[in-house]
């Protein structure tokens, strides 16, 4: 993202924050209470997004290790040459073994 996009996102978020606080204040809630409530909800939302991103990253890391394990070398049952698991599976599919 270029700097103008980043500043635009910050401006939109600040405007949204101020708009929600103003709306709550117009509904009769004290301004300080509205500010604190909106702030706490925003922090909770950001922390939940961060937790979900961390879980997604851990899941992709596990997936990478399992795909890496599938490509380890082993002795082929048909010959004494070393071949990866994937080549062995392709050979079985091709010859119907």
PDB file of N, CA and C in Angstrom:
ATOM      1  N   UNK A   1       0.838  -1.175   0.000  1.00  0.00           N
ATOM      2  CA  UNK A   1       0.000   0.000   0.000  1.00  0.00           C
ATOM      3  C   UNK A   1       0.889   1.245   0.000  1.00  0.00           C
ATOM      4  N   UNK A   2       0.480   2.227  -0.743  1.00  0.00           N
ATOM      5  CA  UNK A   2       1.264   3.463  -0.728  1.00  0.00           C
ATOM      6  C   UNK A   2       0.824   4.339   0.451  1.00  0.00           C
ATOM      7  N   UNK A   3       1.603   5.365   0.759  1.00  0.00           N
ATOM      8  CA  UNK A   3       1.310   6.188   1.947  1.00  0.00           C
ATOM      9  C   UNK A   3      -0.066   6.861   1.900  1.00  0.00           C
ATOM     10  N   UNK A   4      -0.537   7.230   0.712  1.00  0.00           N
ATOM     11  CA  UNK A   4      -1.846   7.882   0.613  1.00  0.00           C
ATOM     12  C   UNK A   4      -2.977   6.921   0.977  1.00  0.00           C
ATOM     13  N   UNK A   5      -2.841   5.664   0.583  1.00  0.00           N
ATOM     14  CA  UNK A   5      -3.855   4.676   0.945  1.00  0.00           C
ATOM     15  C   UNK A   5      -3.866   4.445   2.455  1.00  0.00           C
ATOM     16  N   UNK A   6      -2.685   4.373   3.049  1.00  0.00           N
ATOM     17  CA  UNK A   6      -2.588   4.162   4.493  1.00  0.00           C
ATOM     18  C   UNK A   6      -3.218   5.328   5.239  1.00  0.00           C
ATOM     19  N   UNK A   7      -2.900   6.546   4.816  1.00  0.00           N
ATOM     20  CA  UNK A   7      -3.493   7.721   5.459  1.00  0.00           C
ATOM     21  C   UNK A   7      -5.001   7.762   5.247  1.00  0.00           C
ATOM     22  N   UNK A   8      -5.468   7.319   4.090  1.00  0.00           N
ATOM     23  CA  UNK A   8      -6.905   7.262   3.828  1.00  0.00           C
ATOM     24  C   UNK A   8      -7.607   6.288   4.745  1.00  0.00           C
ATOM     25  N   UNK A   9      -7.001   5.112   4.945  1.00  0.00           N
ATOM     26  CA  UNK A   9      -7.588   4.108   5.845  1.00  0.00           C
ATOM     27  C   UNK A   9      -7.637   4.652   7.269  1.00  0.00           C
ATOM     28  N   UNK A  10      -6.565   5.323   7.698  1.00  0.00           N
ATOM     29  CA  UNK A  10      -6.541   5.887   9.043  1.00  0.00           C
ATOM     30  C   UNK A  10      -7.623   6.960   9.197  1.00  0.00           C
ATOM     31  N   UNK A  11      -7.783   7.796   8.174  1.00  0.00           N
ATOM     32  CA  UNK A  11      -8.798   8.856   8.224  1.00  0.00           C
ATOM     33  C   UNK A  11     -10.200   8.267   8.270  1.00  0.00           C
ATOM     34  N   UNK A  12     -10.451   7.217   7.479  1.00  0.00           N
ATOM     35  CA  UNK A  12     -11.777   6.584   7.483  1.00  0.00           C
ATOM     36  C   UNK A  12     -12.058   5.949   8.846  1.00  0.00           C
ATOM     37  N   UNK A  13     -11.073   5.269   9.406  1.00  0.00           N
ATOM     38  CA  UNK A  13     -11.270   4.634  10.713  1.00  0.00           C
ATOM     39  C   UNK A  13     -11.508   5.677  11.811  1.00  0.00           C
ATOM     40  N   UNK A  14     -10.745   6.776  11.786  1.00  0.00           N
ATOM     41  CA  UNK A  14     -10.935   7.831  12.785  1.00  0.00           C
ATOM     42  C   UNK A  14     -12.309   8.478  12.632  1.00  0.00           C
ATOM     43  N   UNK A  15     -12.735   8.686  11.394  1.00  0.00           N
ATOM     44  CA  UNK A  15     -14.065   9.264  11.157  1.00  0.00           C
ATOM     45  C   UNK A  15     -15.166   8.327  11.633  1.00  0.00           C
ATOM     46  N   UNK A  16     -15.008   7.046  11.369  1.00  0.00           N
ATOM     47  CA  UNK A  16     -15.994   6.064  11.825  1.00  0.00           C
ATOM     48  C   UNK A  16     -16.052   6.029  13.348  1.00  0.00           C
ATOM     49  N   UNK A  17     -14.886   6.044  13.974  1.00  0.00           N
ATOM     50  CA  UNK A  17     -14.811   6.053  15.438  1.00  0.00           C
ATOM     51  C   UNK A  17     -15.525   7.276  15.992  1.00  0.00           C
ATOM     52  N   UNK A  18     -15.220   8.454  15.446  1.00  0.00           N
ATOM     53  CA  UNK A  18     -15.847   9.695  15.914  1.00  0.00           C
ATOM     54  C   UNK A  18     -17.348   9.688  15.644  1.00  0.00           C
ATOM     55  N   UNK A  19     -17.744   9.130  14.507  1.00  0.00           N
ATOM     56  CA  UNK A  19     -19.166   9.070  14.181  1.00  0.00           C
ATOM     57  C   UNK A  19     -19.946   8.201  15.139  1.00  0.00           C
ATOM     58  N   UNK A  20     -19.387   7.063  15.493  1.00  0.00           N
ATOM     59  CA  UNK A  20     -20.076   6.163  16.430  1.00  0.00           C
ATOM     60  C   UNK A  20     -20.145   6.807  17.812  1.00  0.00           C
ATOM     61  N   UNK A  21     -19.052   7.437  18.245  1.00  0.00           N
ATOM     62  CA  UNK A  21     -19.068   8.119  19.550  1.00  0.00           C
ATOM     63  C   UNK A  21     -20.103   9.236  19.542  1.00  0.00           C
ATOM     64  N   UNK A  22     -20.155  10.010  18.462  1.00  0.00           N
ATOM     65  CA  UNK A  22     -21.134  11.106  18.374  1.00  0.00           C
ATOM     66  C   UNK A  22     -22.557  10.560  18.369  1.00  0.00           C
ATOM     67  N   UNK A  23     -22.793   9.477  17.664  1.00  0.00           N
ATOM     68  CA  UNK A  23     -24.132   8.885  17.632  1.00  0.00           C
ATOM     69  C   UNK A  23     -24.563   8.436  19.028  1.00  0.00           C
ATOM     70  N   UNK A  24     -23.654   7.760  19.733  1.00  0.00           N
ATOM     71  CA  UNK A  24     -23.992   7.312  21.090  1.00  0.00           C
ATOM     72  C   UNK A  24     -24.226   8.502  22.018  1.00  0.00           C
ATOM     73  N   UNK A  25     -23.432   9.562  21.843  1.00  0.00           N
ATOM     74  CA  UNK A  25     -23.608  10.746  22.681  1.00  0.00           C
ATOM     75  C   UNK A  25     -24.947  11.414  22.389  1.00  0.00           C
ATOM     76  N   UNK A  26     -25.359  11.423  21.118  1.00  0.00           N
ATOM     77  CA  UNK A  26     -26.653  12.006  20.764  1.00  0.00           C
ATOM     78  C   UNK A  26     -27.812  11.181  21.309  1.00  0.00           C
ATOM     79  N   UNK A  27     -27.586   9.895  21.553  1.00  0.00           N
ATOM     80  CA  UNK A  27     -28.629   9.040  22.101  1.00  0.00           C
ATOM     81  C   UNK A  27     -28.759   9.185  23.619  1.00  0.00           C
ATOM     82  N   UNK A  28     -27.898  10.003  24.216  1.00  0.00           N
ATOM     83  CA  UNK A  28     -28.016  10.255  25.647  1.00  0.00           C
ATOM     84  C   UNK A  28     -26.899   9.656  26.475  1.00  0.00           C
ATOM     85  N   UNK A  29     -25.974   8.946  25.888  1.00  0.00           N
ATOM     86  CA  UNK A  29     -24.869   8.361  26.641  1.00  0.00           C
ATOM     87  C   UNK A  29     -23.818   9.452  26.881  1.00  0.00           C
ATOM     88  N   UNK A  30     -23.221   9.507  28.059  1.00  0.00           N
ATOM     89  CA  UNK A  30     -22.154  10.489  28.290  1.00  0.00           C
ATOM     90  C   UNK A  30     -20.995  10.270  27.305  1.00  0.00           C
ATOM     91  N   UNK A  31     -20.376  11.374  26.888  1.00  0.00           N
ATOM     92  CA  UNK A  31     -19.342  11.309  25.848  1.00  0.00           C
ATOM     93  C   UNK A  31     -18.178  10.424  26.281  1.00  0.00           C
ATOM     94  N   UNK A  32     -17.732  10.571  27.517  1.00  0.00           N
ATOM     95  CA  UNK A  32     -16.606   9.762  27.991  1.00  0.00           C
ATOM     96  C   UNK A  32     -16.958   8.274  27.996  1.00  0.00           C
ATOM     97  N   UNK A  33     -18.162   7.937  28.433  1.00  0.00           N
ATOM     98  CA  UNK A  33     -18.605   6.541  28.436  1.00  0.00           C
ATOM     99  C   UNK A  33     -18.695   6.001  27.014  1.00  0.00           C
ATOM    100  N   UNK A  34     -19.234   6.795  26.092  1.00  0.00           N
ATOM    101  CA  UNK A  34     -19.323   6.367  24.696  1.00  0.00           C
ATOM    102  C   UNK A  34     -17.931   6.149  24.105  1.00  0.00           C
ATOM    103  N   UNK A  35     -17.008   7.066  24.414  1.00  0.00           N
ATOM    104  CA  UNK A  35     -15.635   6.945  23.917  1.00  0.00           C
ATOM    105  C   UNK A  35     -14.987   5.667  24.427  1.00  0.00           C
ATOM    106  N   UNK A  36     -15.122   5.407  25.720  1.00  0.00           N
ATOM    107  CA  UNK A  36     -14.503   4.212  26.310  1.00  0.00           C
ATOM    108  C   UNK A  36     -15.137   2.943  25.751  1.00  0.00           C
ATOM    109  N   UNK A  37     -16.457   2.917  25.612  1.00  0.00           N
ATOM    110  CA  UNK A  37     -17.130   1.728  25.071  1.00  0.00           C
ATOM    111  C   UNK A  37     -16.687   1.430  23.640  1.00  0.00           C
ATOM    112  N   UNK A  38     -16.661   2.458  22.802  1.00  0.00           N
ATOM    113  CA  UNK A  38     -16.251   2.249  21.411  1.00  0.00           C
ATOM    114  C   UNK A  38     -14.795   1.823  21.354  1.00  0.00           C
ATOM    115  N   UNK A  39     -13.948   2.403  22.202  1.00  0.00           N
ATOM    116  CA  UNK A  39     -12.532   2.046  22.247  1.00  0.00           C
ATOM    117  C   UNK A  39     -12.346   0.593  22.649  1.00  0.00           C
ATOM    118  N   UNK A  40     -13.048   0.153  23.673  1.00  0.00           N
ATOM    119  CA  UNK A  40     -12.928  -1.240  24.144  1.00  0.00           C
ATOM    120  C   UNK A  40     -13.415  -2.209  23.063  1.00  0.00           C
ATOM    121  N   UNK A  41     -14.510  -1.882  22.403  1.00  0.00           N
ATOM    122  CA  UNK A  41     -15.014  -2.751  21.330  1.00  0.00           C
ATOM    123  C   UNK A  41     -14.010  -2.823  20.174  1.00  0.00           C
ATOM    124  N   UNK A  42     -13.387  -1.690  19.827  1.00  0.00           N
ATOM    125  CA  UNK A  42     -12.397  -1.682  18.744  1.00  0.00           C
ATOM    126  C   UNK A  42     -11.177  -2.524  19.112  1.00  0.00           C
ATOM    127  N   UNK A  43     -10.706  -2.394  20.351  1.00  0.00           N
ATOM    128  CA  UNK A  43      -9.552  -3.191  20.796  1.00  0.00           C
ATOM    129  C   UNK A  43      -9.906  -4.674  20.796  1.00  0.00           C
ATOM    130  N   UNK A  44     -11.074  -5.030  21.293  1.00  0.00           N
ATOM    131  CA  UNK A  44     -11.509  -6.439  21.294  1.00  0.00           C
ATOM    132  C   UNK A  44     -11.571  -6.981  19.873  1.00  0.00           C
ATOM    133  N   UNK A  45     -12.110  -6.189  18.949  1.00  0.00           N
ATOM    134  CA  UNK A  45     -12.216  -6.616  17.550  1.00  0.00           C
ATOM    135  C   UNK A  45     -10.834  -6.831  16.939  1.00  0.00           C
ATOM    136  N   UNK A  46      -9.891  -5.926  17.189  1.00  0.00           N
ATOM    137  CA  UNK A  46      -8.539  -6.074  16.636  1.00  0.00           C
ATOM    138  C   UNK A  46      -7.826  -7.282  17.219  1.00  0.00           C
ATOM    139  N   UNK A  47      -7.995  -7.524  18.511  1.00  0.00           N
ATOM    140  CA  UNK A  47      -7.362  -8.692  19.132  1.00  0.00           C
ATOM    141  C   UNK A  47      -7.945  -9.995  18.581  1.00  0.00           C
ATOM    142  N   UNK A  48      -9.246 -10.014  18.330  1.00  0.00           N
ATOM    143  CA  UNK A  48      -9.847 -11.223  17.769  1.00  0.00           C
ATOM    144  C   UNK A  48      -9.362 -11.459  16.340  1.00  0.00           C
ATOM    145  N   UNK A  49      -9.204 -10.392  15.560  1.00  0.00           N
ATOM    146  CA  UNK A  49      -8.647 -10.552  14.210  1.00  0.00           C
ATOM    147  C   UNK A  49      -7.214 -11.062  14.267  1.00  0.00           C
ATOM    148  N   UNK A  50      -6.438 -10.555  15.219  1.00  0.00           N
ATOM    149  CA  UNK A  50      -5.058 -10.995  15.373  1.00  0.00           C
ATOM    150  C   UNK A  50      -5.003 -12.471  15.759  1.00  0.00           C
ATOM    151  N   UNK A  51      -5.891 -12.902  16.650  1.00  0.00           N
ATOM    152  CA  UNK A  51      -5.935 -14.304  17.067  1.00  0.00           C
ATOM    153  C   UNK A  51      -6.293 -15.210  15.889  1.00  0.00           C
ATOM    154  N   UNK A  52      -7.280 -14.779  15.083  1.00  0.00           N
ATOM    155  CA  UNK A  52      -7.676 -15.573  13.916  1.00  0.00           C
ATOM    156  C   UNK A  52      -6.545 -15.657  12.900  1.00  0.00           C
ATOM    157  N   UNK A  53      -5.793 -14.558  12.713  1.00  0.00           N
ATOM    158  CA  UNK A  53      -4.665 -14.570  11.781  1.00  0.00           C
ATOM    159  C   UNK A  53      -3.567 -15.501  12.281  1.00  0.00           C
ATOM    160  N   UNK A  54      -3.323 -15.500  13.598  1.00  0.00           N
ATOM    161  CA  UNK A  54      -2.311 -16.383  14.171  1.00  0.00           C
ATOM    162  C   UNK A  54      -2.707 -17.845  13.978  1.00  0.00           C
ATOM    163  N   UNK A  55      -3.997 -18.159  14.192  1.00  0.00           N
ATOM    164  CA  UNK A  55      -4.460 -19.530  14.001  1.00  0.00           C
ATOM    165  C   UNK A  55      -4.348 -19.957  12.547  1.00  0.00           C
ATOM    166  N   UNK A  56      -4.648 -19.051  11.628  1.00  0.00           N
ATOM    167  CA  UNK A  56      -4.530 -19.371  10.204  1.00  0.00           C
ATOM    168  C   UNK A  56      -3.076 -19.592   9.825  1.00  0.00           C
ATOM    169  N   UNK A  57      -2.168 -18.805  10.393  1.00  0.00           N
ATOM    170  CA  UNK A  57      -0.746 -18.973  10.094  1.00  0.00           C
ATOM    171  C   UNK A  57      -0.225 -20.293  10.657  1.00  0.00           C
ATOM    172  N   UNK A  58      -0.673 -20.663  11.841  1.00  0.00           N
ATOM    173  CA  UNK A  58      -0.250 -21.941  12.419  1.00  0.00           C
ATOM    174  C   UNK A  58      -0.776 -23.105  11.582  1.00  0.00           C
ATOM    175  N   UNK A  59      -1.988 -22.976  11.078  1.00  0.00           N
ATOM    176  CA  UNK A  59      -2.551 -24.030  10.238  1.00  0.00           C
ATOM    177  C   UNK A  59      -1.786 -24.181   8.942  1.00  0.00           C
ATOM    178  N   UNK A  60      -1.381 -23.073   8.326  1.00  0.00           N
ATOM    179  CA  UNK A  60      -0.621 -23.166   7.082  1.00  0.00           C
ATOM    180  C   UNK A  60       0.781 -23.693   7.358  1.00  0.00           C
ATOM    181  N   UNK A  61       1.347 -23.392   8.540  1.00  0.00           N
ATOM    182  CA  UNK A  61       2.661 -23.928   8.889  1.00  0.00           C
ATOM    183  C   UNK A  61       2.579 -25.440   9.052  1.00  0.00           C
ATOM    184  N   UNK A  62       1.517 -25.935   9.674  1.00  0.00           N
ATOM    185  CA  UNK A  62       1.341 -27.381   9.800  1.00  0.00           C
ATOM    186  C   UNK A  62       1.178 -28.029   8.434  1.00  0.00           C
ATOM    187  N   UNK A  63       0.445 -27.361   7.564  1.00  0.00           N
ATOM    188  CA  UNK A  63       0.222 -27.907   6.228  1.00  0.00           C
ATOM    189  C   UNK A  63       1.538 -27.979   5.458  1.00  0.00           C
ATOM    190  N   UNK A  64       2.404 -26.969   5.621  1.00  0.00           N
ATOM    191  CA  UNK A  64       3.699 -26.989   4.944  1.00  0.00           C
ATOM    192  C   UNK A  64       4.552 -28.136   5.439  1.00  0.00           C
ATOM    193  N   UNK A  65       4.548 -28.399   6.761  1.00  0.00           N
ATOM    194  CA  UNK A  65       5.387 -29.475   7.277  1.00  0.00           C
ATOM    195  C   UNK A  65       4.862 -30.832   6.822  1.00  0.00           C
ATOM    196  N   UNK A  66       3.540 -31.001   6.745  1.00  0.00           N
ATOM    197  CA  UNK A  66       3.033 -32.294   6.295  1.00  0.00           C
ATOM    198  C   UNK A  66       3.318 -32.501   4.813  1.00  0.00           C
ATOM    199  N   UNK A  67       3.253 -31.438   4.004  1.00  0.00           N
ATOM    200  CA  UNK A  67       3.579 -31.607   2.590  1.00  0.00           C
ATOM    201  C   UNK A  67       5.073 -31.842   2.424  1.00  0.00           C
ATOM    202  N   UNK A  68       5.888 -31.259   3.302  1.00  0.00           N
ATOM    203  CA  UNK A  68       7.321 -31.498   3.241  1.00  0.00           C
ATOM    204  C   UNK A  68       7.621 -32.939   3.635  1.00  0.00           C
ATOM    205  N   UNK A  69       6.901 -33.461   4.637  1.00  0.00           N
ATOM    206  CA  UNK A  69       7.108 -34.843   5.046  1.00  0.00           C
ATOM    207  C   UNK A  69       6.708 -35.813   3.940  1.00  0.00           C
ATOM    208  N   UNK A  70       5.729 -35.453   3.144  1.00  0.00           N
ATOM    209  CA  UNK A  70       5.282 -36.338   2.075  1.00  0.00           C
ATOM    210  C   UNK A  70       6.310 -36.440   0.968  1.00  0.00           C
ATOM    211  N   UNK A  71       7.218 -35.482   0.875  1.00  0.00           N
ATOM    212  CA  UNK A  71       8.225 -35.507  -0.174  1.00  0.00           C
ATOM    213  C   UNK A  71       9.575 -36.031   0.309  1.00  0.00           C
ATOM    214  N   UNK A  72       9.603 -36.695   1.454  1.00  0.00           N
ATOM    215  CA  UNK A  72      10.858 -37.261   1.934  1.00  0.00           C
ATOM    216  C   UNK A  72      11.224 -38.469   1.090  1.00  0.00           C
ATOM    217  N   UNK A  73      12.461 -38.790   1.120  1.00  0.00           N
ATOM    218  CA  UNK A  73      12.957 -39.901   0.293  1.00  0.00           C
ATOM    219  C   UNK A  73      12.851 -41.204   1.064  1.00  0.00           C
ATOM    220  N   UNK A  74      12.590 -42.277   0.332  1.00  0.00           N
ATOM    221  CA  UNK A  74      12.523 -43.598   0.943  1.00  0.00           C
ATOM    222  C   UNK A  74      12.965 -44.636  -0.091  1.00  0.00           C
ATOM    223  N   UNK A  75      13.258 -45.832   0.378  1.00  0.00           N
ATOM    224  CA  UNK A  75      13.598 -46.910  -0.545  1.00  0.00           C
ATOM    225  C   UNK A  75      12.349 -47.383  -1.262  1.00  0.00           C
ATOM    226  N   UNK A  76      12.430 -47.472  -2.560  1.00  0.00           N
ATOM    227  CA  UNK A  76      11.290 -47.921  -3.348  1.00  0.00           C
ATOM    228  C   UNK A  76      11.168 -49.433  -3.228  1.00  0.00           C
ATOM    229  N   UNK A  77       9.943 -49.961  -3.097  1.00  0.00           N
ATOM    230  CA  UNK A  77       9.793 -51.413  -2.995  1.00  0.00           C
ATOM    231  C   UNK A  77      10.125 -52.123  -4.318  1.00  0.00           C
ATOM    232  N   UNK A  78      10.088 -51.409  -5.442  1.00  0.00           N
ATOM    233  CA  UNK A  78      10.351 -52.053  -6.728  1.00  0.00           C
ATOM    234  C   UNK A  78      11.820 -52.035  -7.106  1.00  0.00           C
ATOM    235  N   UNK A  79      12.599 -51.115  -6.523  1.00  0.00           N
ATOM    236  CA  UNK A  79      14.031 -51.065  -6.829  1.00  0.00           C
ATOM    237  C   UNK A  79      14.765 -50.569  -5.602  1.00  0.00           C
ATOM    238  N   UNK A  80      16.068 -50.581  -5.679  1.00  0.00           N
ATOM    239  CA  UNK A  80      16.855 -50.118  -4.542  1.00  0.00           C
ATOM    240  C   UNK A  80      17.163 -48.629  -4.643  1.00  0.00           C
ATOM    241  N   UNK A  81      16.665 -47.962  -5.684  1.00  0.00           N
ATOM    242  CA  UNK A  81      16.903 -46.525  -5.836  1.00  0.00           C
ATOM    243  C   UNK A  81      16.010 -45.736  -4.886  1.00  0.00           C
ATOM    244  N   UNK A  82      16.483 -44.576  -4.504  1.00  0.00           N
ATOM    245  CA  UNK A  82      15.703 -43.694  -3.647  1.00  0.00           C
ATOM    246  C   UNK A  82      14.785 -42.846  -4.507  1.00  0.00           C
ATOM    247  N   UNK A  83      13.498 -42.820  -4.171  1.00  0.00           N
ATOM    248  CA  UNK A  83      12.535 -41.983  -4.889  1.00  0.00           C
ATOM    249  C   UNK A  83      11.640 -41.301  -3.878  1.00  0.00           C
ATOM    250  N   UNK A  84      11.130 -40.102  -4.192  1.00  0.00           N
ATOM    251  CA  UNK A  84      10.195 -39.461  -3.253  1.00  0.00           C
ATOM    252  C   UNK A  84       8.835 -40.127  -3.294  1.00  0.00           C
ATOM    253  N   UNK A  85       8.053 -39.900  -2.249  1.00  0.00           N
ATOM    254  CA  UNK A  85       6.712 -40.481  -2.154  1.00  0.00           C
ATOM    255  C   UNK A  85       5.854 -40.116  -3.354  1.00  0.00           C
ATOM    256  N   UNK A  86       5.921 -38.859  -3.791  1.00  0.00           N
ATOM    257  CA  UNK A  86       5.066 -38.408  -4.891  1.00  0.00           C
ATOM    258  C   UNK A  86       5.351 -39.178  -6.161  1.00  0.00           C
ATOM    259  N   UNK A  87       6.627 -39.395  -6.480  1.00  0.00           N
ATOM    260  CA  UNK A  87       6.952 -40.145  -7.691  1.00  0.00           C
ATOM    261  C   UNK A  87       6.433 -41.579  -7.580  1.00  0.00           C
ATOM    262  N   UNK A  88       6.484 -42.134  -6.381  1.00  0.00           N
ATOM    263  CA  UNK A  88       5.986 -43.486  -6.162  1.00  0.00           C
ATOM    264  C   UNK A  88       4.467 -43.540  -6.408  1.00  0.00           C
ATOM    265  N   UNK A  89       3.744 -42.554  -5.913  1.00  0.00           N
ATOM    266  CA  UNK A  89       2.292 -42.522  -6.116  1.00  0.00           C
ATOM    267  C   UNK A  89       1.940 -42.357  -7.587  1.00  0.00           C
ATOM    268  N   UNK A  90       2.665 -41.490  -8.286  1.00  0.00           N
ATOM    269  CA  UNK A  90       2.388 -41.288  -9.703  1.00  0.00           C
ATOM    270  C   UNK A  90       2.637 -42.563 -10.494  1.00  0.00           C
ATOM    271  N   UNK A  91       3.700 -43.284 -10.131  1.00  0.00           N
ATOM    272  CA  UNK A  91       4.013 -44.532 -10.826  1.00  0.00           C
ATOM    273  C   UNK A  91       2.905 -45.555 -10.582  1.00  0.00           C
ATOM    274  N   UNK A  92       2.386 -45.617  -9.339  1.00  0.00           N
ATOM    275  CA  UNK A  92       1.309 -46.550  -9.032  1.00  0.00           C
ATOM    276  C   UNK A  92       0.039 -46.208  -9.794  1.00  0.00           C
ATOM    277  N   UNK A  93      -0.273 -44.918  -9.904  1.00  0.00           N
ATOM    278  CA  UNK A  93      -1.457 -44.516 -10.649  1.00  0.00           C
ATOM    279  C   UNK A  93      -1.328 -44.830 -12.130  1.00  0.00           C
ATOM    280  N   UNK A  94      -0.133 -44.627 -12.663  1.00  0.00           N
ATOM    281  CA  UNK A  94       0.077 -44.821 -14.096  1.00  0.00           C
ATOM    282  C   UNK A  94      -0.021 -46.297 -14.471  1.00  0.00           C
ATOM    283  N   UNK A  95       0.558 -47.179 -13.662  1.00  0.00           N
ATOM    284  CA  UNK A  95       0.571 -48.589 -14.009  1.00  0.00           C
ATOM    285  C   UNK A  95      -0.518 -49.406 -13.303  1.00  0.00           C
ATOM    286  N   UNK A  96      -1.318 -48.740 -12.506  1.00  0.00           N
ATOM    287  CA  UNK A  96      -2.444 -49.408 -11.859  1.00  0.00           C
ATOM    288  C   UNK A  96      -2.038 -50.381 -10.784  1.00  0.00           C
ATOM    289  N   UNK A  97      -0.886 -50.213 -10.191  1.00  0.00           N
ATOM    290  CA  UNK A  97      -0.404 -51.135  -9.156  1.00  0.00           C
ATOM    291  C   UNK A  97      -1.032 -50.816  -7.827  1.00  0.00           C
TER     292      UNK A  97
END
